[in-house]
Amino acid sequence: MRYIVLSALLIALNLLYSAYAIKFSREYVQKTMELKKASERNLLLKVRYANLINYTKAKKWSVERGFVPVDWERVGFVD
């Protein structure tokens, strides 16, 4: 009789742990999907901003307007 009660207790504990593991894995999958969506959105925004700003066009525009880069050898600190 003792072994039957012990085995029923172990089965009940196993069912509780299985339910917990399933719940935990669902939450993990949900958070992983949220992270994937957020990273996709971040990459799309990054591409969009890169296209709007477009460093090469800005550099070409500034050189056409007479921009002269800083010569760091001529820069000094005031004592």
Protein backbone atom coordinates (compact mmCIF):
# COMPACT_ATOMS: atom_id res chain seq x y z
CA MET A 1 0.00 0.00 0.00
CA ARG A 2 2.89 2.33 0.78
CA TYR A 3 4.35 1.92 -2.73
CA ILE A 4 1.03 2.74 -4.37
CA VAL A 5 0.72 5.99 -2.40
CA LEU A 6 4.35 6.86 -3.12
CA SER A 7 3.94 6.18 -6.84
CA ALA A 8 0.71 8.27 -6.94
CA LEU A 9 2.55 11.11 -5.19
CA LEU A 10 5.43 10.91 -7.66
CA ILE A 11 2.99 10.92 -10.60
CA ALA A 12 1.23 13.98 -9.16
CA LEU A 13 4.55 15.79 -8.66
CA ASN A 14 5.60 14.87 -12.19
CA LEU A 15 2.33 16.29 -13.58
CA LEU A 16 2.83 19.53 -11.64
CA TYR A 17 6.39 19.87 -12.90
CA SER A 18 5.29 19.12 -16.46
CA ALA A 19 2.62 21.82 -16.27
CA TYR A 20 5.22 24.28 -14.94
CA ALA A 21 7.69 23.34 -17.69
CA ILE A 22 5.07 23.79 -20.41
CA LYS A 23 4.07 27.19 -19.02
CA PHE A 24 7.70 28.27 -18.80
CA SER A 25 8.45 27.14 -22.36
CA ARG A 26 5.40 29.01 -23.71
CA GLU A 27 6.55 32.20 -22.00
CA TYR A 28 10.05 31.69 -23.39
CA VAL A 29 8.73 31.25 -26.93
CA GLN A 30 6.52 34.33 -26.56
CA LYS A 31 9.42 36.47 -25.35
CA THR A 32 11.65 35.14 -28.11
CA MET A 33 9.05 36.09 -30.71
CA GLU A 34 8.75 39.58 -29.19
CA LEU A 35 12.51 39.96 -29.35
CA LYS A 36 12.57 38.86 -32.98
CA LYS A 37 9.83 41.35 -33.90
CA ALA A 38 11.61 44.13 -32.03
CA SER A 39 14.93 43.38 -33.70
CA GLU A 40 13.26 43.28 -37.14
CA ARG A 41 11.62 46.62 -36.43
CA ASN A 42 14.93 48.02 -35.21
CA LEU A 43 16.74 46.88 -38.36
CA LEU A 44 14.03 48.33 -40.59
CA LEU A 45 14.22 51.67 -38.76
CA LYS A 46 18.01 51.62 -39.01
CA VAL A 47 17.84 51.09 -42.77
CA ARG A 48 15.19 53.77 -43.11
CA TYR A 49 17.26 56.32 -41.18
CA ALA A 50 20.39 55.36 -43.08
CA ASN A 51 18.57 55.99 -46.34
CA LEU A 52 17.21 59.31 -45.10
CA ILE A 53 20.53 60.55 -43.79
CA ASN A 54 22.73 58.86 -46.40
CA TYR A 55 26.25 59.71 -45.29
CA THR A 56 27.74 59.65 -48.79
CA LYS A 57 25.24 62.21 -50.09
CA ALA A 58 25.79 64.42 -47.04
CA LYS A 59 29.57 64.23 -47.49
CA LYS A 60 29.30 65.08 -51.20
CA TRP A 61 26.95 67.99 -50.43
CA SER A 62 29.29 69.38 -47.76
CA VAL A 63 32.36 69.12 -50.00
CA GLU A 64 30.47 70.92 -52.79
CA ARG A 65 29.62 73.71 -50.33
CA GLY A 66 33.28 74.19 -49.37
CA PHE A 67 33.60 72.19 -46.15
CA VAL A 68 37.20 71.76 -45.02
CA PRO A 69 37.91 68.94 -42.57
CA VAL A 70 39.74 69.74 -39.34
CA ASP A 71 43.50 69.33 -39.41
CA TRP A 72 44.16 67.87 -35.97
CA GLU A 73 47.88 68.77 -36.13
CA ARG A 74 46.94 72.45 -36.12
CA VAL A 75 44.56 72.12 -33.17
CA GLY A 76 46.07 73.08 -29.82
CA PHE A 77 44.97 73.66 -26.26
CA VAL A 78 44.95 77.09 -24.63
CA ASP A 79 47.18 77.23 -21.58
